[in-house]
Amino acid sequence: MDVKTHESVINYVKSEILSGNLKKGGKLLPERELAKRIGVSRTSVREGLRILQMLGVIESVQGGGNYITGNIEKSITETLSMMFLLQQTDGRQISELRDALENKAIELAIENITDERIKELEAILSEMETTRDESRAAKLDKDFHYAIIKASNNALLNQMLGAISHLIDSFIYDIRHSIIQHESNKTRLIEIHKGILAGIKSRDLKAAQAALKKHGRIIKENLSNL
């Protein structure tokens, strides 16, 4: 197949998005009409749409057509997953990237966090202190950090950190469980999360980021054990 034909399908969809003719949730023309409008075969249209679906730009609904989703998290996840599988990156590098992005998320969260979001963080932390279920504790740890990311009010950070977290869950999920298997680590984690929350509530960026750095240190310690 001539590569340029399916690339023309991708470029057409991109131009329609740029022009405002297609927006998130919008439905693409049927394959037959797309082929006629772009001037390519239906096979080329299907290949172009398949690539756009892999990138998270569109979603195909069986019997319902193709829709714009703009799910960049899927694209980032796929790229990082492939890099991980090909050993072009590892758990340490992924963790370092997450730390860098989450530091920025905390900075933005301090500027934008609402009382409702603070209450959510307090509720998560309270349950973390009382639960004896390791799987539940690991999920609460994840939920705590997700709540901070959401509080940043930055959609791109949300998507990127979501993708990184998904990758960690998929490939190096043993980290969370490895950490909380040790009682001393559980106590450390609770204190660290308290420090993060206290820093956010008092709008003390240095204190919040210092606590986050301790969180990253625990992860690095356990990465070496996997």
N, C-alpha and C. Protein backbone atom coordinates (compact mmCIF):
# COMPACT_ATOMS: atom_id res chain seq x y z
N MET A 1 0.84 -1.20 0.00
CA MET A 1 0.00 0.00 0.00
C MET A 1 0.87 1.25 0.00
N ASP A 2 0.49 2.23 -0.79
CA ASP A 2 1.20 3.51 -0.80
C ASP A 2 1.01 4.18 0.55
N VAL A 3 2.13 4.41 1.27
CA VAL A 3 2.04 4.99 2.62
C VAL A 3 1.31 6.32 2.59
N LYS A 4 1.52 7.10 1.54
CA LYS A 4 0.94 8.43 1.48
C LYS A 4 -0.59 8.42 1.50
N THR A 5 -1.19 7.32 1.06
CA THR A 5 -2.65 7.30 1.02
C THR A 5 -3.27 7.29 2.41
N HIS A 6 -2.76 6.46 3.32
CA HIS A 6 -3.35 6.46 4.66
C HIS A 6 -2.90 7.69 5.45
N GLU A 7 -1.71 8.24 5.11
CA GLU A 7 -1.29 9.48 5.76
C GLU A 7 -2.22 10.63 5.37
N SER A 8 -2.75 10.58 4.17
CA SER A 8 -3.67 11.64 3.73
C SER A 8 -4.97 11.58 4.53
N VAL A 9 -5.34 10.39 4.96
CA VAL A 9 -6.54 10.23 5.81
C VAL A 9 -6.27 10.88 7.17
N ILE A 10 -5.10 10.60 7.73
CA ILE A 10 -4.72 11.17 9.03
C ILE A 10 -4.66 12.69 8.93
N ASN A 11 -4.05 13.19 7.86
CA ASN A 11 -3.93 14.65 7.67
C ASN A 11 -5.30 15.30 7.50
N TYR A 12 -6.20 14.60 6.82
CA TYR A 12 -7.55 15.14 6.63
C TYR A 12 -8.26 15.31 7.98
N VAL A 13 -8.17 14.28 8.81
CA VAL A 13 -8.82 14.34 10.13
C VAL A 13 -8.19 15.45 10.96
N LYS A 14 -6.85 15.57 10.91
CA LYS A 14 -6.16 16.64 11.64
C LYS A 14 -6.63 18.02 11.18
N SER A 15 -6.77 18.19 9.87
CA SER A 15 -7.19 19.49 9.35
C SER A 15 -8.63 19.81 9.74
N GLU A 16 -9.47 18.79 9.80
CA GLU A 16 -10.85 18.99 10.21
C GLU A 16 -10.94 19.40 11.69
N ILE A 17 -10.05 18.84 12.49
CA ILE A 17 -10.00 19.22 13.91
C ILE A 17 -9.49 20.65 14.05
N LEU A 18 -8.43 20.98 13.31
CA LEU A 18 -7.85 22.32 13.37
C LEU A 18 -8.84 23.39 12.91
N SER A 19 -9.64 23.06 11.91
CA SER A 19 -10.60 24.03 11.38
C SER A 19 -11.84 24.17 12.27
N GLY A 20 -11.98 23.25 13.22
CA GLY A 20 -13.15 23.30 14.09
C GLY A 20 -14.33 22.52 13.57
N ASN A 21 -14.18 21.89 12.41
CA ASN A 21 -15.28 21.08 11.86
C ASN A 21 -15.50 19.80 12.66
N LEU A 22 -14.42 19.32 13.29
CA LEU A 22 -14.51 18.14 14.14
C LEU A 22 -14.06 18.52 15.55
N LYS A 23 -14.87 18.19 16.53
CA LYS A 23 -14.54 18.46 17.92
C LYS A 23 -14.63 17.16 18.71
N LYS A 24 -14.17 17.20 19.93
CA LYS A 24 -14.24 16.02 20.79
C LYS A 24 -15.68 15.54 20.90
N GLY A 25 -15.89 14.27 20.62
CA GLY A 25 -17.24 13.71 20.64
C GLY A 25 -17.90 13.71 19.28
N GLY A 26 -17.28 14.43 18.31
CA GLY A 26 -17.84 14.52 16.98
C GLY A 26 -17.68 13.22 16.20
N LYS A 27 -18.61 12.97 15.31
CA LYS A 27 -18.59 11.73 14.52
C LYS A 27 -17.99 11.97 13.15
N LEU A 28 -17.10 11.06 12.74
CA LEU A 28 -16.50 11.15 11.40
C LEU A 28 -17.49 10.68 10.35
N LEU A 29 -17.25 11.08 9.12
CA LEU A 29 -18.05 10.59 8.01
C LEU A 29 -17.87 9.08 7.88
N PRO A 30 -18.85 8.38 7.32
CA PRO A 30 -18.68 6.95 7.07
C PRO A 30 -17.48 6.70 6.15
N GLU A 31 -16.92 5.51 6.21
CA GLU A 31 -15.72 5.17 5.44
C GLU A 31 -15.88 5.47 3.95
N ARG A 32 -17.04 5.10 3.39
CA ARG A 32 -17.26 5.30 1.96
C ARG A 32 -17.18 6.78 1.58
N GLU A 33 -17.81 7.63 2.43
CA GLU A 33 -17.80 9.07 2.15
C GLU A 33 -16.42 9.67 2.37
N LEU A 34 -15.70 9.18 3.37
CA LEU A 34 -14.33 9.66 3.61
C LEU A 34 -13.44 9.33 2.42
N ALA A 35 -13.56 8.11 1.93
CA ALA A 35 -12.74 7.68 0.79
C ALA A 35 -13.00 8.57 -0.43
N LYS A 36 -14.27 8.87 -0.65
CA LYS A 36 -14.64 9.70 -1.81
C LYS A 36 -14.14 11.13 -1.64
N ARG A 37 -14.30 11.68 -0.43
CA ARG A 37 -13.90 13.07 -0.19
C ARG A 37 -12.39 13.24 -0.26
N ILE A 38 -11.63 12.28 0.28
CA ILE A 38 -10.18 12.41 0.32
C ILE A 38 -9.54 11.94 -0.99
N GLY A 39 -10.26 11.07 -1.68
CA GLY A 39 -9.73 10.57 -2.95
C GLY A 39 -8.80 9.38 -2.79
N VAL A 40 -9.11 8.52 -1.82
CA VAL A 40 -8.31 7.31 -1.59
C VAL A 40 -9.24 6.11 -1.50
N SER A 41 -8.65 4.93 -1.43
CA SER A 41 -9.45 3.71 -1.33
C SER A 41 -9.99 3.54 0.09
N ARG A 42 -11.03 2.71 0.22
CA ARG A 42 -11.58 2.44 1.55
C ARG A 42 -10.56 1.68 2.40
N THR A 43 -9.70 0.91 1.76
CA THR A 43 -8.64 0.21 2.49
C THR A 43 -7.71 1.22 3.16
N SER A 44 -7.37 2.28 2.42
CA SER A 44 -6.51 3.33 2.97
C SER A 44 -7.21 4.06 4.11
N VAL A 45 -8.52 4.27 3.95
CA VAL A 45 -9.30 4.92 5.02
C VAL A 45 -9.26 4.08 6.28
N ARG A 46 -9.47 2.78 6.12
CA ARG A 46 -9.46 1.89 7.29
C ARG A 46 -8.10 1.89 7.97
N GLU A 47 -7.01 1.90 7.19
CA GLU A 47 -5.67 1.91 7.77
C GLU A 47 -5.41 3.22 8.51
N GLY A 48 -5.82 4.33 7.90
CA GLY A 48 -5.65 5.63 8.56
C GLY A 48 -6.44 5.70 9.86
N LEU A 49 -7.67 5.21 9.84
CA LEU A 49 -8.51 5.23 11.04
C LEU A 49 -7.95 4.30 12.12
N ARG A 50 -7.38 3.18 11.68
CA ARG A 50 -6.79 2.25 12.65
C ARG A 50 -5.63 2.92 13.39
N ILE A 51 -4.81 3.66 12.66
CA ILE A 51 -3.68 4.36 13.28
C ILE A 51 -4.18 5.44 14.23
N LEU A 52 -5.19 6.19 13.80
CA LEU A 52 -5.76 7.24 14.66
C LEU A 52 -6.36 6.65 15.92
N GLN A 53 -6.93 5.45 15.80
CA GLN A 53 -7.49 4.79 16.98
C GLN A 53 -6.38 4.36 17.93
N MET A 54 -5.28 3.84 17.37
CA MET A 54 -4.13 3.45 18.20
C MET A 54 -3.54 4.65 18.94
N LEU A 55 -3.58 5.81 18.29
CA LEU A 55 -3.04 7.03 18.89
C LEU A 55 -3.98 7.65 19.91
N GLY A 56 -5.20 7.13 19.99
CA GLY A 56 -6.16 7.67 20.94
C GLY A 56 -6.91 8.88 20.43
N VAL A 57 -6.79 9.18 19.12
CA VAL A 57 -7.48 10.34 18.55
C VAL A 57 -8.95 10.03 18.33
N ILE A 58 -9.24 8.80 17.87
CA ILE A 58 -10.63 8.43 17.63
C ILE A 58 -10.96 7.13 18.36
N GLU A 59 -12.24 6.89 18.48
CA GLU A 59 -12.72 5.64 19.04
C GLU A 59 -13.74 5.06 18.08
N SER A 60 -13.62 3.77 17.79
CA SER A 60 -14.54 3.10 16.89
C SER A 60 -15.62 2.40 17.69
N VAL A 61 -16.86 2.72 17.42
CA VAL A 61 -18.00 2.10 18.09
C VAL A 61 -18.65 1.13 17.11
N GLN A 62 -18.69 -0.14 17.47
CA GLN A 62 -19.22 -1.15 16.56
C GLN A 62 -20.65 -0.83 16.16
N GLY A 63 -20.84 -0.68 14.85
CA GLY A 63 -22.16 -0.37 14.33
C GLY A 63 -22.55 1.09 14.48
N GLY A 64 -21.67 1.88 15.10
CA GLY A 64 -22.01 3.28 15.36
C GLY A 64 -21.07 4.29 14.73
N GLY A 65 -20.00 3.82 14.08
CA GLY A 65 -19.08 4.75 13.43
C GLY A 65 -17.87 5.09 14.26
N ASN A 66 -17.15 6.12 13.84
CA ASN A 66 -15.92 6.57 14.50
C ASN A 66 -16.10 7.97 15.08
N TYR A 67 -15.60 8.16 16.30
CA TYR A 67 -15.79 9.42 17.02
C TYR A 67 -14.45 9.97 17.50
N ILE A 68 -14.35 11.29 17.54
CA ILE A 68 -13.15 11.96 18.07
C ILE A 68 -13.16 11.85 19.60
N THR A 69 -12.07 11.33 20.16
CA THR A 69 -11.97 11.22 21.62
C THR A 69 -10.87 12.11 22.19
N GLY A 70 -9.76 12.26 21.44
CA GLY A 70 -8.64 13.07 21.94
C GLY A 70 -8.04 12.49 23.19
N ASN A 71 -8.00 11.16 23.30
CA ASN A 71 -7.47 10.51 24.49
C ASN A 71 -5.95 10.37 24.37
N ILE A 72 -5.22 11.46 24.67
CA ILE A 72 -3.77 11.42 24.51
C ILE A 72 -3.12 10.49 25.53
N GLU A 73 -3.82 10.23 26.63
CA GLU A 73 -3.27 9.32 27.63
C GLU A 73 -3.00 7.95 27.01
N LYS A 74 -3.92 7.51 26.14
CA LYS A 74 -3.74 6.22 25.48
C LYS A 74 -2.49 6.22 24.62
N SER A 75 -2.28 7.31 23.88
CA SER A 75 -1.12 7.42 23.01
C SER A 75 0.17 7.41 23.82
N ILE A 76 0.20 8.18 24.89
CA ILE A 76 1.39 8.24 25.74
C ILE A 76 1.66 6.88 26.37
N THR A 77 0.59 6.22 26.83
CA THR A 77 0.73 4.91 27.46
C THR A 77 1.31 3.90 26.47
N GLU A 78 0.78 3.91 25.24
CA GLU A 78 1.27 2.97 24.23
C GLU A 78 2.75 3.21 23.93
N THR A 79 3.14 4.48 23.81
CA THR A 79 4.53 4.81 23.50
C THR A 79 5.46 4.39 24.64
N LEU A 80 5.10 4.73 25.86
CA LEU A 80 5.93 4.37 27.00
C LEU A 80 5.98 2.85 27.20
N SER A 81 4.85 2.19 26.96
CA SER A 81 4.81 0.73 27.10
C SER A 81 5.77 0.07 26.13
N MET A 82 5.77 0.55 24.88
CA MET A 82 6.66 -0.02 23.88
C MET A 82 8.12 0.24 24.24
N MET A 83 8.41 1.44 24.72
CA MET A 83 9.79 1.76 25.14
C MET A 83 10.21 0.84 26.28
N PHE A 84 9.28 0.58 27.20
CA PHE A 84 9.57 -0.29 28.33
C PHE A 84 9.84 -1.71 27.86
N LEU A 85 8.99 -2.21 26.95
CA LEU A 85 9.14 -3.57 26.43
C LEU A 85 10.43 -3.73 25.64
N LEU A 86 10.82 -2.69 24.92
CA LEU A 86 12.04 -2.73 24.12
C LEU A 86 13.28 -2.37 24.93
N GLN A 87 13.07 -2.16 26.25
CA GLN A 87 14.15 -1.84 27.18
C GLN A 87 14.86 -0.54 26.82
N GLN A 88 14.08 0.40 26.25
CA GLN A 88 14.62 1.73 25.99
C GLN A 88 14.42 2.65 27.20
N THR A 89 13.66 2.16 28.15
CA THR A 89 13.50 2.85 29.42
C THR A 89 13.26 1.80 30.49
N ASP A 90 13.30 2.20 31.74
CA ASP A 90 13.08 1.24 32.83
C ASP A 90 12.27 1.89 33.95
N GLY A 91 12.00 1.11 34.97
CA GLY A 91 11.19 1.59 36.08
C GLY A 91 11.75 2.81 36.76
N ARG A 92 13.08 2.87 36.87
CA ARG A 92 13.71 4.03 37.52
C ARG A 92 13.46 5.30 36.74
N GLN A 93 13.63 5.25 35.41
CA GLN A 93 13.43 6.43 34.58
C GLN A 93 11.97 6.87 34.56
N ILE A 94 11.08 5.89 34.52
CA ILE A 94 9.65 6.21 34.54
C ILE A 94 9.28 6.88 35.86
N SER A 95 9.82 6.35 36.95
CA SER A 95 9.56 6.92 38.27
C SER A 95 10.11 8.33 38.38
N GLU A 96 11.29 8.57 37.79
CA GLU A 96 11.89 9.91 37.83
C GLU A 96 11.06 10.91 37.03
N LEU A 97 10.52 10.46 35.90
CA LEU A 97 9.66 11.34 35.11
C LEU A 97 8.40 11.69 35.88
N ARG A 98 7.82 10.69 36.53
CA ARG A 98 6.62 10.94 37.31
C ARG A 98 6.91 11.92 38.45
N ASP A 99 8.05 11.75 39.12
CA ASP A 99 8.41 12.66 40.21
C ASP A 99 8.50 14.10 39.71
N ALA A 100 9.14 14.29 38.55
CA ALA A 100 9.31 15.64 38.00
C ALA A 100 7.95 16.28 37.69
N LEU A 101 7.06 15.50 37.07
CA LEU A 101 5.74 16.02 36.71
C LEU A 101 4.87 16.24 37.94
N GLU A 102 5.00 15.34 38.91
CA GLU A 102 4.16 15.49 40.10
C GLU A 102 4.61 16.67 40.95
N ASN A 103 5.88 17.01 40.90
CA ASN A 103 6.34 18.22 41.60
C ASN A 103 5.63 19.45 41.03
N LYS A 104 5.49 19.50 39.71
CA LYS A 104 4.77 20.60 39.08
C LYS A 104 3.29 20.54 39.41
N ALA A 105 2.75 19.33 39.47
CA ALA A 105 1.33 19.18 39.80
C ALA A 105 1.04 19.71 41.20
N ILE A 106 1.95 19.45 42.14
CA ILE A 106 1.77 19.95 43.51
C ILE A 106 1.83 21.48 43.53
N GLU A 107 2.75 22.03 42.77
CA GLU A 107 2.85 23.50 42.69
C GLU A 107 1.54 24.11 42.20
N LEU A 108 0.97 23.52 41.16
CA LEU A 108 -0.30 24.03 40.60
C LEU A 108 -1.46 23.74 41.53
N ALA A 109 -1.40 22.59 42.22
CA ALA A 109 -2.48 22.24 43.15
C ALA A 109 -2.56 23.25 44.29
N ILE A 110 -1.39 23.68 44.77
CA ILE A 110 -1.37 24.68 45.85
C ILE A 110 -2.04 25.97 45.40
N GLU A 111 -1.89 26.30 44.13
CA GLU A 111 -2.52 27.51 43.59
C GLU A 111 -4.01 27.34 43.36
N ASN A 112 -4.44 26.12 43.01
CA ASN A 112 -5.81 25.94 42.52
C ASN A 112 -6.72 25.05 43.38
N ILE A 113 -6.17 24.39 44.39
CA ILE A 113 -6.96 23.40 45.12
C ILE A 113 -8.17 24.03 45.82
N THR A 114 -9.26 23.28 45.83
CA THR A 114 -10.49 23.72 46.47
C THR A 114 -10.65 23.03 47.82
N ASP A 115 -11.54 23.57 48.64
CA ASP A 115 -11.82 22.95 49.94
C ASP A 115 -12.36 21.53 49.76
N GLU A 116 -13.14 21.33 48.70
CA GLU A 116 -13.71 20.00 48.42
C GLU A 116 -12.61 18.99 48.13
N ARG A 117 -11.61 19.41 47.35
CA ARG A 117 -10.52 18.51 47.01
C ARG A 117 -9.66 18.22 48.25
N ILE A 118 -9.48 19.21 49.12
CA ILE A 118 -8.73 18.99 50.35
C ILE A 118 -9.45 17.96 51.23
N LYS A 119 -10.77 18.07 51.31
CA LYS A 119 -11.55 17.10 52.08
C LYS A 119 -11.41 15.70 51.50
N GLU A 120 -11.34 15.61 50.17
CA GLU A 120 -11.15 14.32 49.51
C GLU A 120 -9.80 13.71 49.91
N LEU A 121 -8.76 14.54 49.90
CA LEU A 121 -7.43 14.07 50.29
C LEU A 121 -7.42 13.63 51.75
N GLU A 122 -8.08 14.38 52.60
CA GLU A 122 -8.15 14.04 54.02
C GLU A 122 -8.86 12.71 54.23
N ALA A 123 -9.92 12.47 53.47
CA ALA A 123 -10.69 11.22 53.59
C ALA A 123 -9.85 10.03 53.14
N ILE A 124 -9.11 10.21 52.05
CA ILE A 124 -8.25 9.13 51.55
C ILE A 124 -7.18 8.81 52.57
N LEU A 125 -6.55 9.86 53.11
CA LEU A 125 -5.48 9.67 54.08
C LEU A 125 -5.99 8.99 55.35
N SER A 126 -7.18 9.38 55.77
CA SER A 126 -7.79 8.78 56.97
C SER A 126 -7.99 7.28 56.79
N GLU A 127 -8.46 6.89 55.61
CA GLU A 127 -8.66 5.46 55.36
C GLU A 127 -7.33 4.73 55.22
N MET A 128 -6.33 5.40 54.67
CA MET A 128 -5.00 4.79 54.56
C MET A 128 -4.46 4.42 55.94
N GLU A 129 -4.77 5.24 56.92
CA GLU A 129 -4.27 5.01 58.28
C GLU A 129 -4.93 3.81 58.95
N THR A 130 -6.17 3.50 58.54
CA THR A 130 -6.93 2.46 59.25
C THR A 130 -7.02 1.12 58.52
N THR A 131 -6.90 1.14 57.20
CA THR A 131 -7.08 -0.12 56.46
C THR A 131 -5.96 -1.11 56.74
N ARG A 132 -6.32 -2.38 56.79
CA ARG A 132 -5.33 -3.44 56.96
C ARG A 132 -5.21 -4.27 55.67
N ASP A 133 -5.96 -3.86 54.66
CA ASP A 133 -5.97 -4.54 53.37
C ASP A 133 -4.87 -3.95 52.49
N GLU A 134 -3.87 -4.75 52.14
CA GLU A 134 -2.73 -4.23 51.38
C GLU A 134 -3.14 -3.74 50.00
N SER A 135 -4.04 -4.46 49.34
CA SER A 135 -4.50 -4.05 48.01
C SER A 135 -5.24 -2.72 48.09
N ARG A 136 -6.05 -2.59 49.14
CA ARG A 136 -6.79 -1.34 49.34
C ARG A 136 -5.84 -0.20 49.65
N ALA A 137 -4.83 -0.47 50.44
CA ALA A 137 -3.85 0.56 50.80
C ALA A 137 -3.11 1.05 49.56
N ALA A 138 -2.76 0.10 48.66
CA ALA A 138 -2.06 0.47 47.43
C ALA A 138 -2.95 1.35 46.55
N LYS A 139 -4.24 1.01 46.48
CA LYS A 139 -5.17 1.81 45.67
C LYS A 139 -5.36 3.20 46.26
N LEU A 140 -5.43 3.27 47.60
CA LEU A 140 -5.59 4.57 48.25
C LEU A 140 -4.38 5.47 48.01
N ASP A 141 -3.20 4.87 48.02
CA ASP A 141 -1.98 5.62 47.71
C ASP A 141 -2.10 6.23 46.32
N LYS A 142 -2.53 5.41 45.36
CA LYS A 142 -2.71 5.87 43.99
C LYS A 142 -3.77 6.97 43.92
N ASP A 143 -4.90 6.76 44.62
CA ASP A 143 -6.00 7.73 44.62
C ASP A 143 -5.56 9.08 45.19
N PHE A 144 -4.72 9.04 46.20
CA PHE A 144 -4.23 10.26 46.84
C PHE A 144 -3.47 11.12 45.82
N HIS A 145 -2.59 10.47 45.08
CA HIS A 145 -1.79 11.21 44.10
C HIS A 145 -2.64 11.67 42.91
N TYR A 146 -3.62 10.86 42.52
CA TYR A 146 -4.53 11.26 41.45
C TYR A 146 -5.31 12.51 41.85
N ALA A 147 -5.73 12.57 43.11
CA ALA A 147 -6.51 13.72 43.58
C ALA A 147 -5.68 15.00 43.52
N ILE A 148 -4.39 14.89 43.82
CA ILE A 148 -3.50 16.05 43.72
C ILE A 148 -3.36 16.49 42.27
N ILE A 149 -3.18 15.50 41.39
CA ILE A 149 -3.05 15.80 39.96
C ILE A 149 -4.29 16.51 39.45
N LYS A 150 -5.46 16.03 39.82
CA LYS A 150 -6.71 16.66 39.39
C LYS A 150 -6.81 18.08 39.94
N ALA A 151 -6.32 18.26 41.16
CA ALA A 151 -6.38 19.59 41.78
C ALA A 151 -5.50 20.60 41.08
N SER A 152 -4.56 20.13 40.26
CA SER A 152 -3.68 21.04 39.53
C SER A 152 -4.43 21.81 38.44
N ASN A 153 -5.58 21.25 38.03
CA ASN A 153 -6.40 21.86 36.96
C ASN A 153 -5.63 21.98 35.64
N ASN A 154 -4.72 21.04 35.42
CA ASN A 154 -3.94 21.04 34.17
C ASN A 154 -4.23 19.71 33.46
N ALA A 155 -5.00 19.79 32.39
CA ALA A 155 -5.44 18.58 31.69
C ALA A 155 -4.27 17.77 31.13
N LEU A 156 -3.24 18.46 30.64
CA LEU A 156 -2.10 17.75 30.06
C LEU A 156 -1.33 16.98 31.12
N LEU A 157 -1.10 17.61 32.27
CA LEU A 157 -0.45 16.91 33.37
C LEU A 157 -1.27 15.71 33.80
N ASN A 158 -2.58 15.91 33.85
CA ASN A 158 -3.50 14.83 34.23
C ASN A 158 -3.34 13.64 33.31
N GLN A 159 -3.33 13.91 32.00
CA GLN A 159 -3.21 12.84 31.01
C GLN A 159 -1.85 12.16 31.08
N MET A 160 -0.79 12.95 31.18
CA MET A 160 0.56 12.38 31.17
C MET A 160 0.83 11.55 32.42
N LEU A 161 0.46 12.09 33.58
CA LEU A 161 0.68 11.34 34.82
C LEU A 161 -0.23 10.13 34.89
N GLY A 162 -1.43 10.24 34.31
CA GLY A 162 -2.33 9.08 34.26
C GLY A 162 -1.71 7.96 33.44
N ALA A 163 -1.09 8.33 32.32
CA ALA A 163 -0.44 7.34 31.45
C ALA A 163 0.73 6.68 32.16
N ILE A 164 1.52 7.48 32.85
CA ILE A 164 2.68 6.94 33.57
C ILE A 164 2.23 6.01 34.68
N SER A 165 1.18 6.41 35.40
CA SER A 165 0.67 5.57 36.48
C SER A 165 0.13 4.26 35.93
N HIS A 166 -0.53 4.35 34.76
CA HIS A 166 -1.06 3.14 34.12
C HIS A 166 0.07 2.20 33.75
N LEU A 167 1.17 2.75 33.26
CA LEU A 167 2.32 1.94 32.89
C LEU A 167 2.90 1.25 34.12
N ILE A 168 3.01 2.00 35.21
CA ILE A 168 3.53 1.43 36.44
C ILE A 168 2.63 0.29 36.91
N ASP A 169 1.31 0.51 36.84
CA ASP A 169 0.36 -0.53 37.24
C ASP A 169 0.48 -1.77 36.35
N SER A 170 0.76 -1.56 35.06
CA SER A 170 0.80 -2.66 34.11
C SER A 170 2.09 -3.47 34.18
N PHE A 171 3.23 -2.80 34.39
CA PHE A 171 4.51 -3.48 34.27
C PHE A 171 5.30 -3.60 35.58
N ILE A 172 5.17 -2.62 36.45
CA ILE A 172 5.94 -2.67 37.69
C ILE A 172 5.03 -2.48 38.89
N TYR A 173 3.84 -3.14 38.77
CA TYR A 173 2.81 -3.00 39.80
C TYR A 173 3.26 -3.56 41.16
N ASP A 174 4.29 -4.41 41.16
CA ASP A 174 4.75 -5.00 42.42
C ASP A 174 5.34 -3.96 43.37
N ILE A 175 5.65 -2.78 42.86
CA ILE A 175 6.27 -1.75 43.70
C ILE A 175 5.40 -1.41 44.90
N ARG A 176 4.15 -1.05 44.63
CA ARG A 176 3.25 -0.64 45.72
C ARG A 176 3.13 -1.74 46.76
N HIS A 177 2.94 -2.98 46.31
CA HIS A 177 2.76 -4.08 47.25
C HIS A 177 4.05 -4.42 47.98
N SER A 178 5.16 -4.27 47.27
CA SER A 178 6.46 -4.50 47.90
C SER A 178 6.68 -3.53 49.05
N ILE A 179 6.28 -2.29 48.85
CA ILE A 179 6.46 -1.25 49.86
C ILE A 179 5.63 -1.53 51.10
N ILE A 180 4.33 -1.79 50.89
CA ILE A 180 3.42 -1.87 52.05
C ILE A 180 3.47 -3.21 52.77
N GLN A 181 4.27 -4.15 52.27
CA GLN A 181 4.42 -5.42 52.97
C GLN A 181 5.20 -5.24 54.27
N HIS A 182 5.96 -4.17 54.37
CA HIS A 182 6.77 -3.91 55.56
C HIS A 182 6.09 -2.85 56.43
N GLU A 183 5.89 -3.18 57.67
CA GLU A 183 5.18 -2.29 58.59
C GLU A 183 5.87 -0.94 58.71
N SER A 184 7.19 -0.96 58.70
CA SER A 184 7.93 0.30 58.83
C SER A 184 7.67 1.21 57.63
N ASN A 185 7.53 0.61 56.45
CA ASN A 185 7.24 1.39 55.25
C ASN A 185 5.83 1.98 55.31
N LYS A 186 4.90 1.21 55.85
CA LYS A 186 3.52 1.71 55.98
C LYS A 186 3.50 2.97 56.82
N THR A 187 4.22 2.93 57.93
CA THR A 187 4.28 4.10 58.82
C THR A 187 4.94 5.27 58.10
N ARG A 188 6.02 5.00 57.39
CA ARG A 188 6.71 6.06 56.63
C ARG A 188 5.78 6.68 55.59
N LEU A 189 5.05 5.83 54.89
CA LEU A 189 4.15 6.33 53.84
C LEU A 189 3.06 7.22 54.41
N ILE A 190 2.49 6.80 55.53
CA ILE A 190 1.44 7.61 56.16
C ILE A 190 2.00 8.98 56.53
N GLU A 191 3.16 9.00 57.15
CA GLU A 191 3.77 10.27 57.55
C GLU A 191 4.12 11.14 56.34
N ILE A 192 4.58 10.50 55.29
CA ILE A 192 4.92 11.24 54.07
C ILE A 192 3.67 11.87 53.46
N HIS A 193 2.59 11.10 53.38
CA HIS A 193 1.35 11.64 52.82
C HIS A 193 0.77 12.75 53.70
N LYS A 194 0.93 12.60 54.99
CA LYS A 194 0.52 13.68 55.90
C LYS A 194 1.32 14.94 55.60
N GLY A 195 2.62 14.76 55.36
CA GLY A 195 3.48 15.91 55.06
C GLY A 195 3.10 16.58 53.75
N ILE A 196 2.78 15.78 52.75
CA ILE A 196 2.35 16.33 51.47
C ILE A 196 1.07 17.15 51.65
N LEU A 197 0.10 16.55 52.34
CA LEU A 197 -1.18 17.23 52.54
C LEU A 197 -1.02 18.49 53.39
N ALA A 198 -0.20 18.41 54.43
CA ALA A 198 0.02 19.59 55.29
C ALA A 198 0.64 20.72 54.48
N GLY A 199 1.58 20.39 53.62
CA GLY A 199 2.21 21.40 52.79
C GLY A 199 1.23 22.05 51.83
N ILE A 200 0.35 21.23 51.25
CA ILE A 200 -0.66 21.77 50.33
C ILE A 200 -1.65 22.66 51.07
N LYS A 201 -2.11 22.20 52.22
CA LYS A 201 -3.11 22.97 52.99
C LYS A 201 -2.54 24.31 53.46
N SER A 202 -1.26 24.32 53.83
CA SER A 202 -0.65 25.56 54.32
C SER A 202 -0.04 26.38 53.19
N ARG A 203 -0.21 25.87 51.94
CA ARG A 203 0.35 26.53 50.76
C ARG A 203 1.87 26.68 50.87
N ASP A 204 2.49 25.65 51.48
CA ASP A 204 3.95 25.64 51.65
C ASP A 204 4.52 24.68 50.61
N LEU A 205 4.93 25.21 49.47
CA LEU A 205 5.40 24.39 48.36
C LEU A 205 6.64 23.59 48.74
N LYS A 206 7.59 24.22 49.41
CA LYS A 206 8.83 23.53 49.76
C LYS A 206 8.56 22.33 50.65
N ALA A 207 7.65 22.49 51.61
CA ALA A 207 7.33 21.39 52.53
C ALA A 207 6.65 20.25 51.79
N ALA A 208 5.71 20.59 50.90
CA ALA A 208 4.99 19.56 50.15
C ALA A 208 5.93 18.80 49.23
N GLN A 209 6.83 19.52 48.56
CA GLN A 209 7.76 18.87 47.63
C GLN A 209 8.83 18.07 48.37
N ALA A 210 9.18 18.52 49.56
CA ALA A 210 10.15 17.76 50.36
C ALA A 210 9.55 16.42 50.77
N ALA A 211 8.27 16.43 51.13
CA ALA A 211 7.58 15.19 51.49
C ALA A 211 7.46 14.28 50.27
N LEU A 212 7.16 14.87 49.11
CA LEU A 212 7.04 14.09 47.87
C LEU A 212 8.38 13.44 47.52
N LYS A 213 9.47 14.15 47.78
CA LYS A 213 10.80 13.60 47.51
C LYS A 213 11.04 12.35 48.34
N LYS A 214 10.56 12.35 49.57
CA LYS A 214 10.70 11.17 50.44
C LYS A 214 9.88 10.01 49.86
N HIS A 215 8.74 10.33 49.28
CA HIS A 215 7.89 9.31 48.66
C HIS A 215 8.65 8.67 47.50
N GLY A 216 9.29 9.49 46.69
CA GLY A 216 10.06 8.98 45.56
C GLY A 216 11.22 8.12 46.01
N ARG A 217 11.80 8.47 47.18
CA ARG A 217 12.93 7.72 47.69
C ARG A 217 12.52 6.29 48.06
N ILE A 218 11.34 6.15 48.64
CA ILE A 218 10.85 4.80 49.00
C ILE A 218 10.67 3.97 47.74
N ILE A 219 10.10 4.58 46.70
CA ILE A 219 9.87 3.85 45.45
C ILE A 219 11.20 3.40 44.86
N LYS A 220 12.19 4.28 44.85
CA LYS A 220 13.51 3.93 44.30
C LYS A 220 14.15 2.78 45.08
N GLU A 221 13.97 2.82 46.39
CA GLU A 221 14.53 1.74 47.23
C GLU A 221 13.94 0.40 46.84
N ASN A 222 12.65 0.39 46.56
CA ASN A 222 11.96 -0.86 46.25
C ASN A 222 12.11 -1.27 44.79
N LEU A 223 12.37 -0.31 43.92
CA LEU A 223 12.62 -0.66 42.52
C LEU A 223 13.84 -1.56 42.41
N SER A 224 14.84 -1.31 43.23
CA SER A 224 16.07 -2.09 43.18
C SER A 224 15.85 -3.51 43.66
N ASN A 225 14.73 -3.74 44.36
CA ASN A 225 14.45 -5.08 44.90
C ASN A 225 13.62 -5.94 43.96
N LEU A 226 13.11 -5.30 42.84
CA LEU A 226 12.22 -6.05 41.94
C LEU A 226 13.01 -6.80 40.88
